[in-house]
Amino acid sequence: FKQKTAYEIMPSLVGSEMCIRDRFTGAGPAVVKLAQNHGKEVFLDLKFFDISETVKRATARAADLGVQFLTVHAHRKTMQAAVDGRRSYPDLKILAVTVLTNFSELDIQESGSTWSISELVVARARAAADVGCNGVVASGQESMAIRQAISQKFAIITPGVRSIGGEKHDQIRVTTPTVAIEQGSDYLVVGRSIRDADNPKATAEVIISEMQTAFDLRTN
């Protein structure tokens, strides 16, 4: 699998968690086993969104793979189905995707919502907490609002992370690693910024250093 490249290029930099998304489409459960064989916990980012029974059964099958994190879209019935599906697998953490980071305010309006993105993200985060999800996926621009709205232990995972001056690609609501962590994010998902860099190892080192500094400041 091409996924091996990440371990060959950055064996000491790839952390304890590995996000698997498009590789799962091509390689299926085998790519999960590859990550696990390298000692990684797996964040299976499949964003389930279907009728309740389908999501419930799919969640159970994902849990059978031994993954630690699974994403579903933040609609109440979908989230409840995922929570029900993992009932026999308490170690699986369900993460609800609030609003994709390439969505703008206009995109939300065109979908029929009269709320701002921040209002919608917070409402969906509250619903996720209510049904028993372990956290949400949200832009770093909304992390602080989520922290202020939800008092219990609740993970915030942030994609759309770019270094200052970095290419945004198709992302709209981007934040730097420092800002995302300052605002309350717990995990950062960094893909293209490292994958497509001229020197992925050096790029990863810079991002990890920036993250560590931000986490140190937050805990001091």
N, C-alpha and C. Protein backbone atom coordinates (compact mmCIF):
# COMPACT_ATOMS: atom_id res chain seq x y z
N PHE A 1 0.83 -1.20 0.00
CA PHE A 1 0.00 0.00 0.00
C PHE A 1 0.87 1.25 0.00
N LYS A 2 0.41 2.30 -0.68
CA LYS A 2 1.15 3.56 -0.68
C LYS A 2 1.17 4.19 0.71
N GLN A 3 0.20 3.80 1.55
CA GLN A 3 0.14 4.34 2.91
C GLN A 3 1.44 4.09 3.66
N LYS A 4 2.20 3.07 3.26
CA LYS A 4 3.46 2.77 3.92
C LYS A 4 4.42 3.95 3.84
N THR A 5 4.28 4.76 2.81
CA THR A 5 5.20 5.88 2.63
C THR A 5 5.26 6.77 3.85
N ALA A 6 4.11 6.98 4.49
CA ALA A 6 4.09 7.84 5.67
C ALA A 6 5.00 7.31 6.76
N TYR A 7 5.05 6.01 6.93
CA TYR A 7 5.88 5.42 7.97
C TYR A 7 7.35 5.41 7.55
N GLU A 8 7.58 5.26 6.24
CA GLU A 8 8.96 5.22 5.75
C GLU A 8 9.60 6.61 5.80
N ILE A 9 8.80 7.65 5.49
CA ILE A 9 9.34 9.01 5.46
C ILE A 9 9.46 9.59 6.86
N MET A 10 8.46 9.34 7.70
CA MET A 10 8.39 10.01 9.00
C MET A 10 8.13 9.02 10.12
N PRO A 11 8.94 7.99 10.29
CA PRO A 11 8.62 6.98 11.30
C PRO A 11 8.55 7.52 12.71
N SER A 12 9.32 8.54 13.04
CA SER A 12 9.32 9.07 14.40
C SER A 12 8.34 10.22 14.57
N LEU A 13 7.73 10.67 13.47
CA LEU A 13 6.87 11.84 13.54
C LEU A 13 5.40 11.50 13.47
N VAL A 14 5.05 10.40 12.82
CA VAL A 14 3.65 10.00 12.78
C VAL A 14 3.25 9.59 14.19
N GLY A 15 2.27 10.27 14.74
CA GLY A 15 1.95 10.09 16.16
C GLY A 15 1.20 8.82 16.44
N SER A 16 0.54 8.79 17.59
CA SER A 16 -0.14 7.57 18.02
C SER A 16 -1.44 7.36 17.26
N GLU A 17 -1.98 8.43 16.61
CA GLU A 17 -3.21 8.30 15.86
C GLU A 17 -2.95 8.45 14.37
N MET A 18 -3.65 7.67 13.56
CA MET A 18 -3.55 7.76 12.11
C MET A 18 -4.94 7.92 11.53
N CYS A 19 -5.16 9.02 10.80
CA CYS A 19 -6.45 9.27 10.16
C CYS A 19 -6.52 8.48 8.85
N ILE A 20 -7.57 7.68 8.71
CA ILE A 20 -7.75 6.90 7.49
C ILE A 20 -9.09 7.27 6.88
N ARG A 21 -9.03 7.66 5.59
CA ARG A 21 -10.25 8.10 4.92
C ARG A 21 -10.26 7.57 3.49
N ASP A 22 -9.57 8.26 2.57
CA ASP A 22 -9.60 7.83 1.18
C ASP A 22 -8.91 6.49 0.97
N ARG A 23 -7.90 6.18 1.77
CA ARG A 23 -7.21 4.89 1.64
C ARG A 23 -8.15 3.73 1.95
N PHE A 24 -9.12 3.96 2.83
CA PHE A 24 -10.05 2.90 3.17
C PHE A 24 -10.91 2.55 1.96
N THR A 25 -11.25 3.55 1.14
CA THR A 25 -12.04 3.29 -0.05
C THR A 25 -11.30 2.37 -1.00
N GLY A 26 -9.98 2.56 -1.13
CA GLY A 26 -9.21 1.75 -2.05
C GLY A 26 -8.76 0.41 -1.50
N ALA A 27 -8.41 0.39 -0.21
CA ALA A 27 -7.80 -0.82 0.36
C ALA A 27 -8.66 -1.51 1.40
N GLY A 28 -9.68 -0.84 1.90
CA GLY A 28 -10.58 -1.46 2.85
C GLY A 28 -9.93 -1.73 4.20
N PRO A 29 -10.44 -2.70 4.93
CA PRO A 29 -9.95 -2.99 6.29
C PRO A 29 -8.46 -3.29 6.36
N ALA A 30 -7.87 -3.71 5.24
CA ALA A 30 -6.44 -4.05 5.27
C ALA A 30 -5.59 -2.84 5.64
N VAL A 31 -6.01 -1.63 5.23
CA VAL A 31 -5.22 -0.45 5.54
C VAL A 31 -5.33 -0.11 7.03
N VAL A 32 -6.46 -0.46 7.65
CA VAL A 32 -6.59 -0.29 9.09
C VAL A 32 -5.60 -1.21 9.81
N LYS A 33 -5.54 -2.45 9.36
CA LYS A 33 -4.61 -3.40 9.97
C LYS A 33 -3.17 -2.96 9.79
N LEU A 34 -2.86 -2.36 8.64
CA LEU A 34 -1.49 -1.87 8.41
C LEU A 34 -1.12 -0.83 9.45
N ALA A 35 -2.03 0.13 9.70
CA ALA A 35 -1.77 1.16 10.70
C ALA A 35 -1.63 0.55 12.09
N GLN A 36 -2.51 -0.39 12.40
CA GLN A 36 -2.45 -1.04 13.71
C GLN A 36 -1.18 -1.85 13.89
N ASN A 37 -0.71 -2.45 12.82
CA ASN A 37 0.54 -3.21 12.89
C ASN A 37 1.75 -2.32 13.16
N HIS A 38 1.58 -1.01 12.87
CA HIS A 38 2.64 -0.04 13.18
C HIS A 38 2.39 0.62 14.54
N GLY A 39 1.47 0.05 15.30
CA GLY A 39 1.24 0.55 16.65
C GLY A 39 0.38 1.80 16.74
N LYS A 40 -0.39 2.07 15.70
CA LYS A 40 -1.19 3.29 15.67
C LYS A 40 -2.63 3.05 16.09
N GLU A 41 -3.20 4.00 16.82
CA GLU A 41 -4.64 4.04 16.99
C GLU A 41 -5.24 4.63 15.72
N VAL A 42 -6.41 4.17 15.34
CA VAL A 42 -6.97 4.56 14.05
C VAL A 42 -8.19 5.47 14.21
N PHE A 43 -8.14 6.58 13.52
CA PHE A 43 -9.25 7.53 13.40
C PHE A 43 -9.87 7.26 12.03
N LEU A 44 -10.98 6.52 12.01
CA LEU A 44 -11.63 6.13 10.77
C LEU A 44 -12.65 7.20 10.38
N ASP A 45 -12.26 8.01 9.42
CA ASP A 45 -13.03 9.21 9.08
C ASP A 45 -13.95 8.91 7.90
N LEU A 46 -15.02 8.15 8.15
CA LEU A 46 -15.93 7.74 7.08
C LEU A 46 -17.20 8.57 7.01
N LYS A 47 -17.45 9.40 8.01
CA LYS A 47 -18.57 10.34 7.99
C LYS A 47 -19.89 9.67 7.61
N PHE A 48 -20.29 8.67 8.37
CA PHE A 48 -21.53 7.97 8.09
C PHE A 48 -22.72 8.94 8.11
N PHE A 49 -23.62 8.76 7.14
CA PHE A 49 -24.86 9.56 7.10
C PHE A 49 -25.88 8.77 6.29
N ASP A 50 -26.76 8.07 6.99
CA ASP A 50 -27.71 7.19 6.32
C ASP A 50 -28.87 6.95 7.29
N ILE A 51 -29.79 6.07 6.93
CA ILE A 51 -30.88 5.76 7.84
C ILE A 51 -30.31 5.06 9.08
N SER A 52 -31.07 5.10 10.14
CA SER A 52 -30.55 4.68 11.45
C SER A 52 -30.03 3.25 11.47
N GLU A 53 -30.77 2.31 10.92
CA GLU A 53 -30.35 0.91 10.98
C GLU A 53 -29.04 0.70 10.24
N THR A 54 -28.89 1.36 9.10
CA THR A 54 -27.65 1.24 8.33
C THR A 54 -26.46 1.78 9.11
N VAL A 55 -26.64 2.94 9.72
CA VAL A 55 -25.56 3.54 10.49
C VAL A 55 -25.23 2.68 11.71
N LYS A 56 -26.25 2.17 12.37
CA LYS A 56 -26.03 1.32 13.55
C LYS A 56 -25.20 0.10 13.20
N ARG A 57 -25.55 -0.59 12.12
CA ARG A 57 -24.84 -1.80 11.73
C ARG A 57 -23.43 -1.48 11.23
N ALA A 58 -23.30 -0.39 10.47
CA ALA A 58 -21.98 -0.01 9.96
C ALA A 58 -21.04 0.37 11.10
N THR A 59 -21.58 1.03 12.11
CA THR A 59 -20.78 1.40 13.27
C THR A 59 -20.25 0.16 13.99
N ALA A 60 -21.10 -0.83 14.15
CA ALA A 60 -20.68 -2.08 14.80
C ALA A 60 -19.58 -2.76 14.00
N ARG A 61 -19.71 -2.73 12.67
CA ARG A 61 -18.68 -3.35 11.83
C ARG A 61 -17.35 -2.59 11.94
N ALA A 62 -17.42 -1.26 12.00
CA ALA A 62 -16.20 -0.47 12.19
C ALA A 62 -15.57 -0.79 13.53
N ALA A 63 -16.40 -0.94 14.55
CA ALA A 63 -15.89 -1.28 15.88
C ALA A 63 -15.20 -2.63 15.87
N ASP A 64 -15.72 -3.57 15.06
CA ASP A 64 -15.09 -4.88 14.95
C ASP A 64 -13.64 -4.79 14.47
N LEU A 65 -13.32 -3.74 13.73
CA LEU A 65 -11.96 -3.56 13.22
C LEU A 65 -10.99 -3.12 14.31
N GLY A 66 -11.53 -2.70 15.45
CA GLY A 66 -10.65 -2.27 16.53
C GLY A 66 -10.19 -0.83 16.42
N VAL A 67 -10.93 -0.01 15.65
CA VAL A 67 -10.54 1.40 15.53
C VAL A 67 -10.93 2.14 16.81
N GLN A 68 -10.28 3.27 17.04
CA GLN A 68 -10.54 4.04 18.26
C GLN A 68 -11.53 5.20 18.03
N PHE A 69 -11.56 5.74 16.82
CA PHE A 69 -12.40 6.90 16.53
C PHE A 69 -13.17 6.64 15.24
N LEU A 70 -14.43 7.07 15.19
CA LEU A 70 -15.25 6.95 13.99
C LEU A 70 -16.08 8.21 13.85
N THR A 71 -16.16 8.74 12.62
CA THR A 71 -16.95 9.95 12.39
C THR A 71 -18.29 9.64 11.75
N VAL A 72 -19.30 10.41 12.17
CA VAL A 72 -20.63 10.38 11.56
C VAL A 72 -21.08 11.83 11.43
N HIS A 73 -22.04 12.07 10.55
CA HIS A 73 -22.54 13.44 10.45
C HIS A 73 -23.42 13.79 11.64
N ALA A 74 -23.40 15.07 12.01
CA ALA A 74 -24.02 15.52 13.25
C ALA A 74 -25.51 15.80 13.09
N HIS A 75 -26.25 14.77 12.72
CA HIS A 75 -27.71 14.82 12.71
C HIS A 75 -28.18 13.85 13.79
N ARG A 76 -29.16 14.26 14.56
CA ARG A 76 -29.48 13.55 15.80
C ARG A 76 -29.74 12.06 15.59
N LYS A 77 -30.56 11.69 14.60
CA LYS A 77 -30.85 10.28 14.38
C LYS A 77 -29.59 9.50 13.97
N THR A 78 -28.76 10.13 13.17
CA THR A 78 -27.51 9.49 12.74
C THR A 78 -26.59 9.27 13.93
N MET A 79 -26.44 10.29 14.75
CA MET A 79 -25.57 10.17 15.93
C MET A 79 -26.10 9.13 16.91
N GLN A 80 -27.41 9.14 17.13
CA GLN A 80 -28.00 8.18 18.07
C GLN A 80 -27.79 6.75 17.56
N ALA A 81 -27.93 6.56 16.25
CA ALA A 81 -27.73 5.23 15.68
C ALA A 81 -26.29 4.76 15.87
N ALA A 82 -25.34 5.67 15.70
CA ALA A 82 -23.93 5.31 15.88
C ALA A 82 -23.65 4.96 17.34
N VAL A 83 -24.19 5.75 18.25
CA VAL A 83 -24.01 5.47 19.68
C VAL A 83 -24.62 4.11 20.02
N ASP A 84 -25.79 3.80 19.46
CA ASP A 84 -26.41 2.50 19.69
C ASP A 84 -25.56 1.38 19.09
N GLY A 85 -24.98 1.63 17.93
CA GLY A 85 -24.19 0.61 17.26
C GLY A 85 -22.90 0.26 17.96
N ARG A 86 -22.38 1.20 18.73
CA ARG A 86 -21.14 0.91 19.44
C ARG A 86 -21.38 0.45 20.88
N ARG A 87 -22.63 0.14 21.22
CA ARG A 87 -22.97 -0.15 22.60
C ARG A 87 -22.15 -1.30 23.19
N SER A 88 -21.82 -2.28 22.37
CA SER A 88 -21.01 -3.41 22.83
C SER A 88 -19.51 -3.14 22.71
N TYR A 89 -19.16 -1.93 22.26
CA TYR A 89 -17.76 -1.58 22.05
C TYR A 89 -17.48 -0.23 22.72
N PRO A 90 -17.44 -0.19 24.03
CA PRO A 90 -17.34 1.09 24.75
C PRO A 90 -16.05 1.86 24.46
N ASP A 91 -15.03 1.20 23.92
CA ASP A 91 -13.78 1.91 23.65
C ASP A 91 -13.83 2.73 22.37
N LEU A 92 -14.82 2.48 21.51
CA LEU A 92 -14.94 3.24 20.27
C LEU A 92 -15.52 4.62 20.57
N LYS A 93 -14.83 5.65 20.12
CA LYS A 93 -15.28 7.03 20.34
C LYS A 93 -15.98 7.53 19.07
N ILE A 94 -17.20 7.99 19.25
CA ILE A 94 -17.99 8.52 18.14
C ILE A 94 -17.81 10.03 18.07
N LEU A 95 -17.41 10.51 16.90
CA LEU A 95 -17.18 11.93 16.68
C LEU A 95 -18.16 12.44 15.63
N ALA A 96 -18.85 13.51 15.93
CA ALA A 96 -19.87 14.06 15.04
C ALA A 96 -19.31 15.21 14.22
N VAL A 97 -19.45 15.12 12.91
CA VAL A 97 -18.98 16.16 12.00
C VAL A 97 -20.04 17.26 11.96
N THR A 98 -19.69 18.45 12.42
CA THR A 98 -20.67 19.53 12.56
C THR A 98 -20.94 20.20 11.21
N VAL A 99 -20.03 21.03 10.75
CA VAL A 99 -20.14 21.67 9.43
C VAL A 99 -18.78 21.55 8.76
N LEU A 100 -18.75 21.01 7.56
CA LEU A 100 -17.48 20.79 6.86
C LEU A 100 -16.72 22.10 6.70
N THR A 101 -15.40 22.02 6.78
CA THR A 101 -14.58 23.24 6.80
C THR A 101 -14.46 23.91 5.43
N ASN A 102 -15.01 23.31 4.38
CA ASN A 102 -15.03 24.01 3.09
C ASN A 102 -16.38 24.66 2.83
N PHE A 103 -17.25 24.71 3.87
CA PHE A 103 -18.54 25.39 3.76
C PHE A 103 -18.40 26.83 4.24
N SER A 104 -19.05 27.73 3.50
CA SER A 104 -19.09 29.14 3.87
C SER A 104 -20.48 29.47 4.42
N GLU A 105 -20.64 30.71 4.87
CA GLU A 105 -21.96 31.16 5.33
C GLU A 105 -22.97 31.06 4.20
N LEU A 106 -22.56 31.38 2.98
CA LEU A 106 -23.46 31.29 1.83
C LEU A 106 -23.92 29.85 1.59
N ASP A 107 -22.99 28.91 1.73
CA ASP A 107 -23.35 27.50 1.56
C ASP A 107 -24.44 27.09 2.55
N ILE A 108 -24.31 27.56 3.80
CA ILE A 108 -25.29 27.23 4.82
C ILE A 108 -26.64 27.86 4.50
N GLN A 109 -26.62 29.10 4.04
CA GLN A 109 -27.86 29.77 3.67
C GLN A 109 -28.56 29.07 2.52
N GLU A 110 -27.78 28.62 1.54
CA GLU A 110 -28.36 27.94 0.38
C GLU A 110 -28.97 26.60 0.75
N SER A 111 -28.54 26.03 1.88
CA SER A 111 -29.12 24.76 2.33
C SER A 111 -30.43 24.98 3.09
N GLY A 112 -30.80 26.26 3.30
CA GLY A 112 -32.07 26.58 3.94
C GLY A 112 -31.96 27.02 5.39
N SER A 113 -30.74 27.06 5.93
CA SER A 113 -30.58 27.46 7.33
C SER A 113 -30.55 28.98 7.46
N THR A 114 -31.16 29.47 8.52
CA THR A 114 -31.09 30.90 8.83
C THR A 114 -30.07 31.19 9.92
N TRP A 115 -29.40 30.15 10.41
CA TRP A 115 -28.39 30.31 11.44
C TRP A 115 -27.04 30.62 10.81
N SER A 116 -26.18 31.23 11.61
CA SER A 116 -24.79 31.38 11.19
C SER A 116 -24.08 30.04 11.33
N ILE A 117 -22.91 29.92 10.74
CA ILE A 117 -22.16 28.67 10.89
C ILE A 117 -21.87 28.39 12.36
N SER A 118 -21.45 29.40 13.09
CA SER A 118 -21.12 29.21 14.50
C SER A 118 -22.33 28.72 15.29
N GLU A 119 -23.50 29.31 15.04
CA GLU A 119 -24.72 28.89 15.73
C GLU A 119 -25.07 27.45 15.40
N LEU A 120 -24.93 27.09 14.12
CA LEU A 120 -25.25 25.73 13.69
C LEU A 120 -24.27 24.72 14.28
N VAL A 121 -23.00 25.06 14.29
CA VAL A 121 -21.99 24.16 14.86
C VAL A 121 -22.26 23.93 16.34
N VAL A 122 -22.54 24.98 17.08
CA VAL A 122 -22.79 24.84 18.52
C VAL A 122 -24.04 24.01 18.77
N ALA A 123 -25.10 24.24 17.99
CA ALA A 123 -26.34 23.46 18.15
C ALA A 123 -26.08 21.99 17.90
N ARG A 124 -25.32 21.70 16.87
CA ARG A 124 -25.03 20.30 16.55
C ARG A 124 -24.09 19.68 17.59
N ALA A 125 -23.17 20.47 18.12
CA ALA A 125 -22.29 19.96 19.18
C ALA A 125 -23.09 19.63 20.43
N ARG A 126 -24.03 20.49 20.78
CA ARG A 126 -24.89 20.21 21.94
C ARG A 126 -25.68 18.92 21.73
N ALA A 127 -26.22 18.75 20.53
CA ALA A 127 -26.98 17.53 20.23
C ALA A 127 -26.07 16.30 20.33
N ALA A 128 -24.84 16.44 19.85
CA ALA A 128 -23.88 15.33 19.92
C ALA A 128 -23.60 14.94 21.36
N ALA A 129 -23.42 15.93 22.21
CA ALA A 129 -23.17 15.66 23.62
C ALA A 129 -24.41 15.02 24.26
N ASP A 130 -25.59 15.49 23.88
CA ASP A 130 -26.83 14.97 24.46
C ASP A 130 -27.02 13.48 24.19
N VAL A 131 -26.68 13.03 22.98
CA VAL A 131 -26.94 11.63 22.63
C VAL A 131 -25.80 10.71 23.03
N GLY A 132 -24.68 11.28 23.49
CA GLY A 132 -23.59 10.44 23.98
C GLY A 132 -22.39 10.31 23.09
N CYS A 133 -22.25 11.19 22.10
CA CYS A 133 -21.02 11.21 21.30
C CYS A 133 -19.86 11.68 22.18
N ASN A 134 -18.66 11.31 21.78
CA ASN A 134 -17.47 11.65 22.56
C ASN A 134 -16.85 12.98 22.16
N GLY A 135 -17.28 13.53 21.04
CA GLY A 135 -16.72 14.78 20.59
C GLY A 135 -17.24 15.15 19.23
N VAL A 136 -16.68 16.22 18.68
CA VAL A 136 -17.11 16.71 17.37
C VAL A 136 -15.90 17.03 16.51
N VAL A 137 -16.17 17.10 15.22
CA VAL A 137 -15.20 17.60 14.25
C VAL A 137 -15.68 18.99 13.86
N ALA A 138 -14.84 19.99 14.04
CA ALA A 138 -15.24 21.37 13.77
C ALA A 138 -14.02 22.21 13.45
N SER A 139 -14.26 23.26 12.70
CA SER A 139 -13.20 24.23 12.41
C SER A 139 -12.69 24.86 13.70
N GLY A 140 -11.42 25.24 13.70
CA GLY A 140 -10.86 25.94 14.85
C GLY A 140 -11.52 27.28 15.09
N GLN A 141 -12.22 27.79 14.09
CA GLN A 141 -12.93 29.06 14.26
C GLN A 141 -14.14 28.93 15.19
N GLU A 142 -14.60 27.69 15.40
CA GLU A 142 -15.75 27.48 16.27
C GLU A 142 -15.39 26.78 17.59
N SER A 143 -14.12 26.45 17.77
CA SER A 143 -13.72 25.67 18.95
C SER A 143 -14.07 26.36 20.26
N MET A 144 -13.81 27.64 20.35
CA MET A 144 -14.07 28.35 21.61
C MET A 144 -15.56 28.37 21.92
N ALA A 145 -16.40 28.58 20.89
CA ALA A 145 -17.85 28.61 21.11
C ALA A 145 -18.34 27.25 21.62
N ILE A 146 -17.76 26.17 21.10
CA ILE A 146 -18.14 24.84 21.57
C ILE A 146 -17.72 24.66 23.02
N ARG A 147 -16.50 25.06 23.35
CA ARG A 147 -15.99 24.93 24.73
C ARG A 147 -16.88 25.69 25.70
N GLN A 148 -17.34 26.87 25.30
CA GLN A 148 -18.18 27.68 26.17
C GLN A 148 -19.58 27.09 26.34
N ALA A 149 -20.04 26.34 25.33
CA ALA A 149 -21.40 25.79 25.35
C ALA A 149 -21.50 24.45 26.05
N ILE A 150 -20.41 23.68 26.08
CA ILE A 150 -20.46 22.32 26.60
C ILE A 150 -19.46 22.19 27.73
N SER A 151 -19.96 21.87 28.89
CA SER A 151 -19.11 21.86 30.08
C SER A 151 -18.40 20.54 30.29
N GLN A 152 -19.02 19.42 29.87
CA GLN A 152 -18.41 18.13 30.16
C GLN A 152 -17.20 17.88 29.26
N LYS A 153 -16.44 16.85 29.63
CA LYS A 153 -15.30 16.46 28.82
C LYS A 153 -15.79 16.09 27.43
N PHE A 154 -15.27 16.77 26.43
CA PHE A 154 -15.80 16.64 25.08
C PHE A 154 -14.69 17.00 24.10
N ALA A 155 -14.32 16.07 23.24
CA ALA A 155 -13.17 16.28 22.35
C ALA A 155 -13.56 17.13 21.14
N ILE A 156 -12.65 18.00 20.74
CA ILE A 156 -12.83 18.78 19.52
C ILE A 156 -11.68 18.44 18.57
N ILE A 157 -12.04 17.93 17.40
CA ILE A 157 -11.06 17.56 16.39
C ILE A 157 -11.17 18.56 15.25
N THR A 158 -10.06 19.13 14.87
CA THR A 158 -10.09 20.22 13.90
C THR A 158 -9.30 19.91 12.63
N PRO A 159 -10.00 19.86 11.50
CA PRO A 159 -9.33 19.80 10.20
C PRO A 159 -9.18 21.21 9.64
N GLY A 160 -8.80 21.33 8.37
CA GLY A 160 -8.63 22.66 7.78
C GLY A 160 -7.53 23.44 8.45
N VAL A 161 -6.46 22.74 8.84
CA VAL A 161 -5.34 23.38 9.54
C VAL A 161 -4.26 23.73 8.53
N ARG A 162 -3.83 24.97 8.54
CA ARG A 162 -2.81 25.45 7.62
C ARG A 162 -1.82 26.35 8.36
N SER A 163 -0.57 26.24 8.03
CA SER A 163 0.43 27.16 8.57
C SER A 163 0.23 28.53 7.95
N ILE A 164 0.75 29.57 8.59
CA ILE A 164 0.61 30.93 8.07
C ILE A 164 1.19 30.99 6.66
N GLY A 165 0.40 31.51 5.74
CA GLY A 165 0.85 31.62 4.36
C GLY A 165 0.68 30.35 3.54
N GLY A 166 0.19 29.28 4.18
CA GLY A 166 0.01 28.01 3.47
C GLY A 166 -1.15 28.05 2.51
N GLU A 167 -1.11 27.20 1.50
CA GLU A 167 -2.18 27.11 0.51
C GLU A 167 -3.45 26.58 1.16
N LYS A 168 -4.57 27.27 0.93
CA LYS A 168 -5.84 26.86 1.54
C LYS A 168 -6.50 25.71 0.78
N HIS A 169 -6.15 25.52 -0.50
CA HIS A 169 -6.80 24.54 -1.36
C HIS A 169 -8.30 24.85 -1.40
N ASP A 170 -9.15 23.85 -1.17
CA ASP A 170 -10.60 24.09 -1.23
C ASP A 170 -11.19 24.42 0.14
N GLN A 171 -10.35 24.58 1.15
CA GLN A 171 -10.84 24.89 2.49
C GLN A 171 -11.19 26.37 2.60
N ILE A 172 -12.17 26.68 3.43
CA ILE A 172 -12.60 28.06 3.63
C ILE A 172 -12.35 28.51 5.07
N ARG A 173 -12.82 27.73 6.02
CA ARG A 173 -12.68 28.11 7.43
C ARG A 173 -11.41 27.46 8.00
N VAL A 174 -10.27 28.04 7.68
CA VAL A 174 -8.99 27.47 8.09
C VAL A 174 -8.47 28.19 9.33
N THR A 175 -7.61 27.49 10.07
CA THR A 175 -6.90 28.09 11.19
C THR A 175 -5.48 27.54 11.21
N THR A 176 -4.59 28.26 11.85
CA THR A 176 -3.25 27.74 12.05
C THR A 176 -3.28 26.75 13.22
N PRO A 177 -2.27 25.89 13.34
CA PRO A 177 -2.23 25.00 14.50
C PRO A 177 -2.31 25.75 15.83
N THR A 178 -1.58 26.87 15.92
CA THR A 178 -1.57 27.64 17.17
C THR A 178 -2.95 28.16 17.53
N VAL A 179 -3.63 28.76 16.56
CA VAL A 179 -4.95 29.33 16.83
C VAL A 179 -5.96 28.25 17.19
N ALA A 180 -5.94 27.13 16.47
CA ALA A 180 -6.89 26.05 16.75
C ALA A 180 -6.73 25.55 18.19
N ILE A 181 -5.50 25.35 18.62
CA ILE A 181 -5.26 24.85 19.97
C ILE A 181 -5.59 25.92 21.01
N GLU A 182 -5.23 27.17 20.74
CA GLU A 182 -5.58 28.26 21.66
C GLU A 182 -7.09 28.35 21.86
N GLN A 183 -7.85 28.08 20.81
CA GLN A 183 -9.30 28.20 20.87
C GLN A 183 -9.97 26.99 21.52
N GLY A 184 -9.20 25.91 21.73
CA GLY A 184 -9.76 24.78 22.45
C GLY A 184 -9.74 23.44 21.75
N SER A 185 -9.19 23.36 20.54
CA SER A 185 -9.14 22.08 19.83
C SER A 185 -8.18 21.12 20.54
N ASP A 186 -8.54 19.83 20.52
CA ASP A 186 -7.74 18.80 21.18
C ASP A 186 -6.88 18.00 20.20
N TYR A 187 -7.41 17.76 19.01
CA TYR A 187 -6.70 17.01 17.97
C TYR A 187 -6.76 17.82 16.68
N LEU A 188 -5.69 17.78 15.90
CA LEU A 188 -5.67 18.45 14.60
C LEU A 188 -5.50 17.39 13.51
N VAL A 189 -6.26 17.56 12.43
CA VAL A 189 -6.13 16.69 11.27
C VAL A 189 -5.38 17.47 10.19
N VAL A 190 -4.19 17.02 9.87
CA VAL A 190 -3.35 17.71 8.88
C VAL A 190 -3.06 16.73 7.75
N GLY A 191 -3.54 17.03 6.57
CA GLY A 191 -3.37 16.13 5.44
C GLY A 191 -2.49 16.68 4.35
N ARG A 192 -3.11 17.47 3.45
CA ARG A 192 -2.39 17.93 2.27
C ARG A 192 -1.18 18.80 2.58
N SER A 193 -1.23 19.55 3.68
CA SER A 193 -0.10 20.42 4.00
C SER A 193 1.19 19.62 4.16
N ILE A 194 1.05 18.40 4.65
CA ILE A 194 2.22 17.52 4.79
C ILE A 194 2.38 16.63 3.56
N ARG A 195 1.28 16.01 3.15
CA ARG A 195 1.33 15.04 2.05
C ARG A 195 1.90 15.64 0.77
N ASP A 196 1.51 16.90 0.44
CA ASP A 196 1.90 17.50 -0.83
C ASP A 196 3.11 18.42 -0.71
N ALA A 197 3.73 18.48 0.46
CA ALA A 197 4.89 19.35 0.65
C ALA A 197 6.11 18.82 -0.08
N ASP A 198 7.01 19.71 -0.46
CA ASP A 198 8.26 19.29 -1.10
C ASP A 198 9.08 18.43 -0.15
N ASN A 199 9.02 18.77 1.13
CA ASN A 199 9.74 18.00 2.15
C ASN A 199 8.75 17.67 3.27
N PRO A 200 8.00 16.57 3.14
CA PRO A 200 6.98 16.24 4.14
C PRO A 200 7.52 16.14 5.55
N LYS A 201 8.72 15.56 5.71
CA LYS A 201 9.28 15.38 7.05
C LYS A 201 9.54 16.73 7.72
N ALA A 202 10.15 17.65 6.97
CA ALA A 202 10.45 18.96 7.53
C ALA A 202 9.16 19.73 7.84
N THR A 203 8.19 19.61 6.96
CA THR A 203 6.91 20.28 7.18
C THR A 203 6.23 19.74 8.42
N ALA A 204 6.24 18.42 8.59
CA ALA A 204 5.64 17.81 9.78
C ALA A 204 6.35 18.27 11.04
N GLU A 205 7.67 18.38 11.01
CA GLU A 205 8.43 18.82 12.18
C GLU A 205 8.02 20.22 12.60
N VAL A 206 7.83 21.12 11.62
CA VAL A 206 7.43 22.50 11.93
C VAL A 206 6.03 22.52 12.55
N ILE A 207 5.10 21.77 11.98
CA ILE A 207 3.73 21.75 12.49
C ILE A 207 3.68 21.15 13.89
N ILE A 208 4.41 20.05 14.10
CA ILE A 208 4.41 19.41 15.42
C ILE A 208 5.02 20.33 16.47
N SER A 209 6.08 21.04 16.11
CA SER A 209 6.70 21.98 17.04
C SER A 209 5.72 23.09 17.42
N GLU A 210 5.01 23.61 16.42
CA GLU A 210 4.03 24.67 16.67
C GLU A 210 2.90 24.16 17.57
N MET A 211 2.45 22.93 17.31
CA MET A 211 1.39 22.34 18.14
C MET A 211 1.84 22.17 19.58
N GLN A 212 3.05 21.66 19.77
CA GLN A 212 3.56 21.42 21.12
C GLN A 212 3.66 22.71 21.91
N THR A 213 4.14 23.76 21.25
CA THR A 213 4.25 25.06 21.92
C THR A 213 2.87 25.57 22.33
N ALA A 214 1.88 25.41 21.46
CA ALA A 214 0.53 25.88 21.77
C ALA A 214 -0.09 25.08 22.91
N PHE A 215 0.11 23.75 22.90
CA PHE A 215 -0.42 22.93 23.99
C PHE A 215 0.27 23.28 25.32
N ASP A 216 1.57 23.51 25.28
CA ASP A 216 2.30 23.87 26.51
C ASP A 216 1.77 25.17 27.09
N LEU A 217 1.51 26.14 26.25
CA LEU A 217 0.98 27.44 26.70
C LEU A 217 -0.43 27.28 27.28
N ARG A 218 -1.21 26.38 26.69
CA ARG A 218 -2.59 26.20 27.15
C ARG A 218 -2.65 25.53 28.52
N THR A 219 -1.67 24.68 28.82
CA THR A 219 -1.70 23.95 30.08
C THR A 219 -0.95 24.66 31.18
N ASN A 220 -0.23 25.72 30.85
CA ASN A 220 0.55 26.46 31.88
C ASN A 220 -0.28 27.57 32.50
